[in-house]
């Protein structure tokens, strides 16, 4: 790795480290010093990347304790983004339509009208559905 990396590359390397070390929500991330040495970048570059991840809600810092992986599924950032992305009534209707398509798919897939998306085993579809729901809630507020 080179000494001078773009912020995006450092963030990607931190992501790879989180994956390779199987760091879970609530787990402590390695120290800035460790990241600096592991990624072969300056400590300032590590701090910039960590600040960006914190702003995005991917990590959180407890002063004196360290940096931890956050549960971004419950982060309020989705509502903020939703307010900027979904600005027209047509966009809101499209989001609702996509949610309804996912709901209908799950019921058809399982041949059970009482099942909801949360009951399905497709994790990606659930995440997309939850995101769409958060975006549609942001539009209402």
N, C-alpha and C. Protein backbone atom coordinates (compact mmCIF):
# COMPACT_ATOMS: atom_id res chain seq x y z
N UNK A 1 0.84 -1.19 0.00
CA UNK A 1 0.00 0.00 0.00
C UNK A 1 0.88 1.25 0.00
N UNK A 2 0.44 2.27 -0.66
CA UNK A 2 1.23 3.49 -0.71
C UNK A 2 0.91 4.37 0.47
N UNK A 3 1.81 5.28 0.77
CA UNK A 3 1.62 6.19 1.91
C UNK A 3 0.44 7.13 1.67
N UNK A 4 0.26 7.59 0.45
CA UNK A 4 -0.79 8.56 0.16
C UNK A 4 -1.97 7.85 -0.50
N UNK A 5 -3.06 7.75 0.21
CA UNK A 5 -4.25 7.10 -0.32
C UNK A 5 -5.41 8.07 -0.24
N UNK A 6 -6.32 7.88 -1.12
CA UNK A 6 -7.54 8.67 -1.06
C UNK A 6 -8.41 8.18 0.09
N UNK A 7 -9.25 9.07 0.57
CA UNK A 7 -10.16 8.75 1.67
C UNK A 7 -11.00 7.52 1.35
N UNK A 8 -11.47 7.43 0.13
CA UNK A 8 -12.32 6.31 -0.27
C UNK A 8 -11.57 4.98 -0.14
N UNK A 9 -10.30 4.96 -0.53
CA UNK A 9 -9.51 3.73 -0.42
C UNK A 9 -9.30 3.33 1.03
N UNK A 10 -9.06 4.30 1.89
CA UNK A 10 -8.86 3.98 3.31
C UNK A 10 -10.14 3.45 3.93
N UNK A 11 -11.26 4.08 3.59
CA UNK A 11 -12.56 3.61 4.09
C UNK A 11 -12.79 2.18 3.61
N UNK A 12 -12.46 1.89 2.35
CA UNK A 12 -12.61 0.54 1.81
C UNK A 12 -11.72 -0.45 2.55
N UNK A 13 -10.49 -0.05 2.85
CA UNK A 13 -9.57 -0.93 3.59
C UNK A 13 -10.10 -1.20 5.01
N UNK A 14 -10.68 -0.19 5.64
CA UNK A 14 -11.27 -0.38 6.98
C UNK A 14 -12.43 -1.36 6.88
N UNK A 15 -13.24 -1.21 5.84
CA UNK A 15 -14.35 -2.15 5.62
C UNK A 15 -13.82 -3.58 5.46
N UNK A 16 -12.78 -3.73 4.66
CA UNK A 16 -12.19 -5.06 4.45
C UNK A 16 -11.68 -5.64 5.77
N UNK A 17 -11.10 -4.80 6.60
CA UNK A 17 -10.60 -5.23 7.90
C UNK A 17 -11.76 -5.68 8.80
N UNK A 18 -12.84 -4.91 8.79
CA UNK A 18 -14.04 -5.26 9.57
C UNK A 18 -14.55 -6.63 9.13
N UNK A 19 -14.59 -6.84 7.82
CA UNK A 19 -15.06 -8.12 7.28
C UNK A 19 -14.11 -9.26 7.65
N UNK A 20 -12.81 -9.05 7.42
CA UNK A 20 -11.85 -10.13 7.64
C UNK A 20 -11.71 -10.51 9.11
N UNK A 21 -11.88 -9.54 10.00
CA UNK A 21 -11.79 -9.82 11.43
C UNK A 21 -13.15 -10.11 12.06
N UNK A 22 -14.18 -10.18 11.19
CA UNK A 22 -15.54 -10.50 11.62
C UNK A 22 -16.01 -9.63 12.78
N UNK A 23 -15.78 -8.33 12.66
CA UNK A 23 -16.22 -7.38 13.68
C UNK A 23 -17.72 -7.19 13.54
N UNK A 24 -18.44 -7.37 14.63
CA UNK A 24 -19.90 -7.30 14.64
C UNK A 24 -20.38 -5.99 15.25
N UNK A 25 -21.67 -5.70 15.05
CA UNK A 25 -22.28 -4.50 15.64
C UNK A 25 -22.00 -4.48 17.14
N UNK A 26 -21.49 -3.35 17.61
CA UNK A 26 -21.18 -3.20 19.03
C UNK A 26 -19.75 -3.57 19.38
N UNK A 27 -19.04 -4.23 18.47
CA UNK A 27 -17.65 -4.62 18.72
C UNK A 27 -16.72 -3.42 18.53
N UNK A 28 -15.63 -3.45 19.27
CA UNK A 28 -14.63 -2.39 19.20
C UNK A 28 -13.75 -2.58 17.96
N UNK A 29 -13.47 -1.49 17.26
CA UNK A 29 -12.56 -1.51 16.13
C UNK A 29 -11.13 -1.39 16.64
N UNK A 30 -10.17 -1.80 15.81
CA UNK A 30 -8.76 -1.62 16.20
C UNK A 30 -8.44 -0.13 16.39
N UNK A 31 -7.39 0.14 17.12
CA UNK A 31 -6.98 1.53 17.42
C UNK A 31 -6.51 2.26 16.17
N UNK A 32 -6.48 3.58 16.25
CA UNK A 32 -5.96 4.39 15.15
C UNK A 32 -4.52 3.99 14.84
N UNK A 33 -3.74 3.78 15.86
CA UNK A 33 -2.33 3.40 15.66
C UNK A 33 -2.24 2.09 14.89
N UNK A 34 -3.05 1.10 15.28
CA UNK A 34 -3.04 -0.19 14.59
C UNK A 34 -3.45 0.00 13.12
N UNK A 35 -4.52 0.78 12.88
CA UNK A 35 -5.00 1.01 11.52
C UNK A 35 -3.95 1.72 10.68
N UNK A 36 -3.28 2.69 11.28
CA UNK A 36 -2.22 3.43 10.60
C UNK A 36 -1.13 2.48 10.12
N UNK A 37 -0.71 1.60 11.00
CA UNK A 37 0.36 0.66 10.66
C UNK A 37 -0.13 -0.42 9.67
N UNK A 38 -1.31 -0.93 9.91
CA UNK A 38 -1.87 -2.00 9.07
C UNK A 38 -2.12 -1.50 7.64
N UNK A 39 -2.62 -0.27 7.52
CA UNK A 39 -2.98 0.27 6.21
C UNK A 39 -1.84 1.06 5.57
N UNK A 40 -0.76 1.29 6.34
CA UNK A 40 0.40 2.03 5.86
C UNK A 40 0.02 3.43 5.37
N UNK A 41 -0.72 4.14 6.22
CA UNK A 41 -1.13 5.51 5.92
C UNK A 41 -0.86 6.37 7.16
N UNK A 42 -1.02 7.66 7.01
CA UNK A 42 -0.78 8.55 8.14
C UNK A 42 -1.93 8.44 9.15
N UNK A 43 -1.62 8.80 10.38
CA UNK A 43 -2.66 8.78 11.42
C UNK A 43 -3.77 9.78 11.09
N UNK A 44 -3.39 10.91 10.50
CA UNK A 44 -4.38 11.91 10.10
C UNK A 44 -5.35 11.32 9.06
N UNK A 45 -4.83 10.53 8.13
CA UNK A 45 -5.69 9.89 7.12
C UNK A 45 -6.65 8.91 7.76
N UNK A 46 -6.16 8.17 8.76
CA UNK A 46 -7.03 7.24 9.48
C UNK A 46 -8.12 8.03 10.20
N UNK A 47 -7.75 9.12 10.85
CA UNK A 47 -8.74 9.95 11.56
C UNK A 47 -9.80 10.49 10.62
N UNK A 48 -9.38 10.96 9.44
CA UNK A 48 -10.34 11.47 8.45
C UNK A 48 -11.33 10.37 8.05
N UNK A 49 -10.81 9.19 7.78
CA UNK A 49 -11.68 8.08 7.38
C UNK A 49 -12.64 7.70 8.50
N UNK A 50 -12.14 7.66 9.72
CA UNK A 50 -13.00 7.32 10.86
C UNK A 50 -14.06 8.40 11.09
N UNK A 51 -13.69 9.66 10.91
CA UNK A 51 -14.68 10.75 11.03
C UNK A 51 -15.77 10.61 9.98
N UNK A 52 -15.37 10.26 8.75
CA UNK A 52 -16.35 10.06 7.69
C UNK A 52 -17.29 8.91 8.02
N UNK A 53 -16.74 7.82 8.51
CA UNK A 53 -17.57 6.67 8.89
C UNK A 53 -18.49 7.00 10.06
N UNK A 54 -17.99 7.82 10.98
CA UNK A 54 -18.82 8.24 12.11
C UNK A 54 -19.97 9.12 11.64
N UNK A 55 -19.67 10.04 10.73
CA UNK A 55 -20.71 10.91 10.19
C UNK A 55 -21.79 10.11 9.47
N UNK A 56 -21.39 9.06 8.81
CA UNK A 56 -22.34 8.20 8.11
C UNK A 56 -23.11 7.28 9.05
N UNK A 57 -22.67 7.22 10.31
CA UNK A 57 -23.36 6.38 11.28
C UNK A 57 -22.90 4.93 11.27
N UNK A 58 -21.79 4.65 10.60
CA UNK A 58 -21.30 3.29 10.49
C UNK A 58 -20.53 2.91 11.76
N UNK A 59 -19.90 3.89 12.37
CA UNK A 59 -19.19 3.66 13.63
C UNK A 59 -19.60 4.74 14.61
N UNK A 60 -19.31 4.52 15.87
CA UNK A 60 -19.49 5.55 16.88
C UNK A 60 -18.31 5.50 17.83
N UNK A 61 -18.02 6.65 18.43
CA UNK A 61 -16.86 6.78 19.31
C UNK A 61 -17.34 7.02 20.73
N UNK A 62 -16.76 6.28 21.65
CA UNK A 62 -16.96 6.54 23.08
C UNK A 62 -15.63 7.06 23.59
N UNK A 63 -15.61 8.33 23.96
CA UNK A 63 -14.37 8.95 24.41
C UNK A 63 -13.75 8.15 25.55
N UNK A 64 -12.48 7.85 25.39
CA UNK A 64 -11.76 7.11 26.40
C UNK A 64 -11.93 5.60 26.31
N UNK A 65 -12.86 5.13 25.46
CA UNK A 65 -13.09 3.69 25.33
C UNK A 65 -12.70 3.14 23.97
N UNK A 66 -12.96 3.92 22.92
CA UNK A 66 -12.61 3.46 21.59
C UNK A 66 -13.70 3.71 20.57
N UNK A 67 -13.52 3.07 19.43
CA UNK A 67 -14.43 3.20 18.30
C UNK A 67 -15.13 1.87 18.10
N UNK A 68 -16.45 1.92 17.87
CA UNK A 68 -17.26 0.72 17.80
C UNK A 68 -18.09 0.69 16.52
N UNK A 69 -18.39 -0.52 16.05
CA UNK A 69 -19.23 -0.67 14.87
C UNK A 69 -20.68 -0.45 15.26
N UNK A 70 -21.34 0.44 14.55
CA UNK A 70 -22.73 0.82 14.86
C UNK A 70 -23.72 -0.07 14.11
N UNK A 71 -24.95 -0.03 14.57
CA UNK A 71 -26.06 -0.70 13.90
C UNK A 71 -26.70 0.33 12.99
N UNK A 72 -26.28 0.35 11.72
CA UNK A 72 -26.76 1.41 10.84
C UNK A 72 -28.22 1.24 10.46
N UNK A 73 -28.77 0.05 10.67
CA UNK A 73 -30.18 -0.16 10.33
C UNK A 73 -31.10 0.76 11.13
N UNK A 74 -30.66 1.17 12.31
CA UNK A 74 -31.51 2.03 13.14
C UNK A 74 -31.05 3.48 13.12
N UNK A 75 -30.14 3.82 12.22
CA UNK A 75 -29.59 5.17 12.20
C UNK A 75 -30.57 6.16 11.59
N UNK A 76 -30.61 7.36 12.14
CA UNK A 76 -31.52 8.40 11.66
C UNK A 76 -31.08 9.01 10.34
N UNK A 77 -29.89 8.65 9.88
CA UNK A 77 -29.39 9.17 8.62
C UNK A 77 -30.34 8.82 7.47
N UNK A 78 -31.01 7.68 7.55
CA UNK A 78 -31.93 7.29 6.48
C UNK A 78 -33.04 8.32 6.32
N UNK A 79 -33.54 8.83 7.44
CA UNK A 79 -34.59 9.84 7.35
C UNK A 79 -34.06 11.12 6.72
N UNK A 80 -32.86 11.51 7.09
CA UNK A 80 -32.28 12.71 6.52
C UNK A 80 -32.06 12.55 5.02
N UNK A 81 -31.49 11.42 4.62
CA UNK A 81 -31.27 11.15 3.20
C UNK A 81 -32.61 11.08 2.48
N UNK A 82 -33.56 10.40 3.10
CA UNK A 82 -34.88 10.27 2.49
C UNK A 82 -35.52 11.61 2.17
N UNK A 83 -35.34 12.58 3.04
CA UNK A 83 -35.93 13.90 2.82
C UNK A 83 -35.32 14.59 1.61
N UNK A 84 -34.08 14.27 1.30
CA UNK A 84 -33.42 14.87 0.15
C UNK A 84 -33.64 14.07 -1.13
N UNK A 85 -33.78 12.76 -1.00
CA UNK A 85 -33.95 11.91 -2.18
C UNK A 85 -35.40 11.84 -2.65
N UNK A 86 -36.32 11.72 -1.71
CA UNK A 86 -37.73 11.56 -2.05
C UNK A 86 -38.42 12.88 -1.80
N UNK A 87 -38.49 13.70 -2.85
CA UNK A 87 -39.00 15.06 -2.65
C UNK A 87 -40.34 15.32 -3.32
N UNK A 88 -40.78 14.39 -4.16
CA UNK A 88 -42.06 14.63 -4.84
C UNK A 88 -43.06 13.55 -4.45
N UNK A 89 -44.30 13.88 -4.65
CA UNK A 89 -45.36 12.91 -4.36
C UNK A 89 -45.25 11.69 -5.27
N UNK A 90 -44.81 11.90 -6.50
CA UNK A 90 -44.63 10.78 -7.43
C UNK A 90 -43.56 9.82 -6.90
N UNK A 91 -42.46 10.35 -6.40
CA UNK A 91 -41.41 9.49 -5.86
C UNK A 91 -41.91 8.70 -4.66
N UNK A 92 -42.72 9.36 -3.82
CA UNK A 92 -43.28 8.66 -2.66
C UNK A 92 -44.18 7.52 -3.13
N UNK A 93 -45.00 7.77 -4.13
CA UNK A 93 -45.88 6.72 -4.65
C UNK A 93 -45.08 5.57 -5.25
N UNK A 94 -43.97 5.89 -5.90
CA UNK A 94 -43.13 4.85 -6.48
C UNK A 94 -42.51 3.97 -5.39
N UNK A 95 -42.11 4.59 -4.30
CA UNK A 95 -41.54 3.82 -3.18
C UNK A 95 -42.62 2.90 -2.61
N UNK A 96 -43.80 3.41 -2.41
CA UNK A 96 -44.90 2.60 -1.88
C UNK A 96 -45.21 1.46 -2.84
N UNK A 97 -45.18 1.74 -4.13
CA UNK A 97 -45.45 0.70 -5.14
C UNK A 97 -44.39 -0.41 -5.08
N UNK A 98 -43.14 -0.05 -4.94
CA UNK A 98 -42.07 -1.06 -4.84
C UNK A 98 -42.24 -1.88 -3.57
N UNK A 99 -42.58 -1.22 -2.45
CA UNK A 99 -42.82 -1.95 -1.21
C UNK A 99 -43.96 -2.96 -1.40
N UNK A 100 -45.03 -2.54 -2.07
CA UNK A 100 -46.17 -3.42 -2.30
C UNK A 100 -45.80 -4.60 -3.20
N UNK A 101 -44.92 -4.35 -4.16
CA UNK A 101 -44.45 -5.43 -5.03
C UNK A 101 -43.67 -6.47 -4.23
N UNK A 102 -42.83 -6.01 -3.33
CA UNK A 102 -42.06 -6.93 -2.49
C UNK A 102 -43.00 -7.72 -1.59
N UNK A 103 -43.98 -7.03 -0.99
CA UNK A 103 -44.94 -7.71 -0.12
C UNK A 103 -45.71 -8.79 -0.89
N UNK A 104 -46.15 -8.45 -2.11
CA UNK A 104 -46.90 -9.41 -2.93
C UNK A 104 -46.01 -10.59 -3.32
N UNK A 105 -44.77 -10.33 -3.62
CA UNK A 105 -43.83 -11.39 -3.98
C UNK A 105 -43.68 -12.40 -2.83
N UNK A 106 -43.53 -11.89 -1.62
CA UNK A 106 -43.35 -12.78 -0.46
C UNK A 106 -44.59 -13.65 -0.27
N UNK A 107 -45.76 -13.05 -0.38
CA UNK A 107 -47.00 -13.82 -0.20
C UNK A 107 -47.14 -14.89 -1.28
N UNK A 108 -46.78 -14.55 -2.52
CA UNK A 108 -46.85 -15.51 -3.62
C UNK A 108 -45.80 -16.61 -3.46
N UNK A 109 -44.60 -16.21 -3.08
CA UNK A 109 -43.49 -17.16 -2.92
C UNK A 109 -43.83 -18.24 -1.90
N UNK A 110 -44.47 -17.85 -0.81
CA UNK A 110 -44.78 -18.79 0.27
C UNK A 110 -46.21 -19.33 0.21
N UNK A 111 -46.98 -18.85 -0.76
CA UNK A 111 -48.39 -19.25 -0.89
C UNK A 111 -49.13 -19.03 0.43
N UNK A 112 -48.88 -17.88 1.03
CA UNK A 112 -49.47 -17.58 2.34
C UNK A 112 -49.68 -16.08 2.46
N UNK A 113 -50.95 -15.67 2.43
CA UNK A 113 -51.27 -14.24 2.50
C UNK A 113 -50.99 -13.62 3.86
N UNK A 114 -50.77 -14.45 4.87
CA UNK A 114 -50.53 -13.89 6.21
C UNK A 114 -49.05 -13.57 6.45
N UNK A 115 -48.16 -14.03 5.58
CA UNK A 115 -46.72 -13.78 5.78
C UNK A 115 -46.37 -12.36 5.36
N UNK A 116 -45.39 -11.80 6.07
CA UNK A 116 -44.89 -10.48 5.70
C UNK A 116 -43.41 -10.59 5.32
N UNK A 117 -42.85 -9.50 4.87
CA UNK A 117 -41.47 -9.49 4.39
C UNK A 117 -40.50 -9.90 5.50
N UNK A 118 -40.79 -9.53 6.72
CA UNK A 118 -39.92 -9.88 7.85
C UNK A 118 -39.80 -11.39 8.03
N UNK A 119 -40.80 -12.16 7.57
CA UNK A 119 -40.80 -13.61 7.72
C UNK A 119 -39.98 -14.31 6.66
N UNK A 120 -39.64 -13.61 5.58
CA UNK A 120 -38.92 -14.22 4.48
C UNK A 120 -37.45 -14.42 4.84
N UNK A 121 -36.82 -15.40 4.19
CA UNK A 121 -35.42 -15.68 4.48
C UNK A 121 -34.43 -14.93 3.59
N UNK A 122 -34.91 -14.13 2.67
CA UNK A 122 -34.05 -13.35 1.77
C UNK A 122 -33.61 -12.08 2.50
N UNK A 123 -32.39 -12.10 3.00
CA UNK A 123 -31.87 -11.00 3.81
C UNK A 123 -31.71 -9.70 3.02
N UNK A 124 -31.29 -9.80 1.77
CA UNK A 124 -31.11 -8.60 0.95
C UNK A 124 -32.45 -7.93 0.69
N UNK A 125 -33.45 -8.73 0.35
CA UNK A 125 -34.77 -8.18 0.10
C UNK A 125 -35.32 -7.49 1.35
N UNK A 126 -35.09 -8.11 2.51
CA UNK A 126 -35.54 -7.50 3.78
C UNK A 126 -34.87 -6.15 3.99
N UNK A 127 -33.56 -6.09 3.76
CA UNK A 127 -32.83 -4.83 3.95
C UNK A 127 -33.36 -3.75 3.01
N UNK A 128 -33.58 -4.12 1.76
CA UNK A 128 -34.11 -3.15 0.79
C UNK A 128 -35.49 -2.68 1.22
N UNK A 129 -36.31 -3.61 1.65
CA UNK A 129 -37.66 -3.26 2.10
C UNK A 129 -37.61 -2.30 3.29
N UNK A 130 -36.73 -2.60 4.24
CA UNK A 130 -36.60 -1.74 5.43
C UNK A 130 -36.13 -0.35 5.03
N UNK A 131 -35.16 -0.28 4.11
CA UNK A 131 -34.69 1.02 3.62
C UNK A 131 -35.82 1.80 2.95
N UNK A 132 -36.56 1.11 2.10
CA UNK A 132 -37.68 1.78 1.43
C UNK A 132 -38.69 2.28 2.45
N UNK A 133 -38.94 1.49 3.49
CA UNK A 133 -39.86 1.89 4.54
C UNK A 133 -39.35 3.13 5.26
N UNK A 134 -38.05 3.14 5.57
CA UNK A 134 -37.48 4.30 6.27
C UNK A 134 -37.56 5.54 5.39
N UNK A 135 -37.28 5.38 4.10
CA UNK A 135 -37.36 6.53 3.20
C UNK A 135 -38.81 7.05 3.09
N UNK A 136 -39.76 6.11 3.04
CA UNK A 136 -41.15 6.56 2.93
C UNK A 136 -41.62 7.22 4.23
N UNK A 137 -41.10 6.78 5.37
CA UNK A 137 -41.43 7.42 6.65
C UNK A 137 -40.85 8.83 6.70
N UNK A 138 -39.67 8.99 6.13
CA UNK A 138 -39.02 10.32 6.12
C UNK A 138 -39.85 11.31 5.32
N UNK A 139 -40.47 10.83 4.27
CA UNK A 139 -41.28 11.70 3.44
C UNK A 139 -42.49 12.22 4.20
N UNK A 140 -43.02 11.37 5.08
CA UNK A 140 -44.21 11.74 5.84
C UNK A 140 -43.93 12.76 6.94
N UNK A 141 -42.69 12.74 7.46
CA UNK A 141 -42.38 13.62 8.59
C UNK A 141 -42.05 15.02 8.17
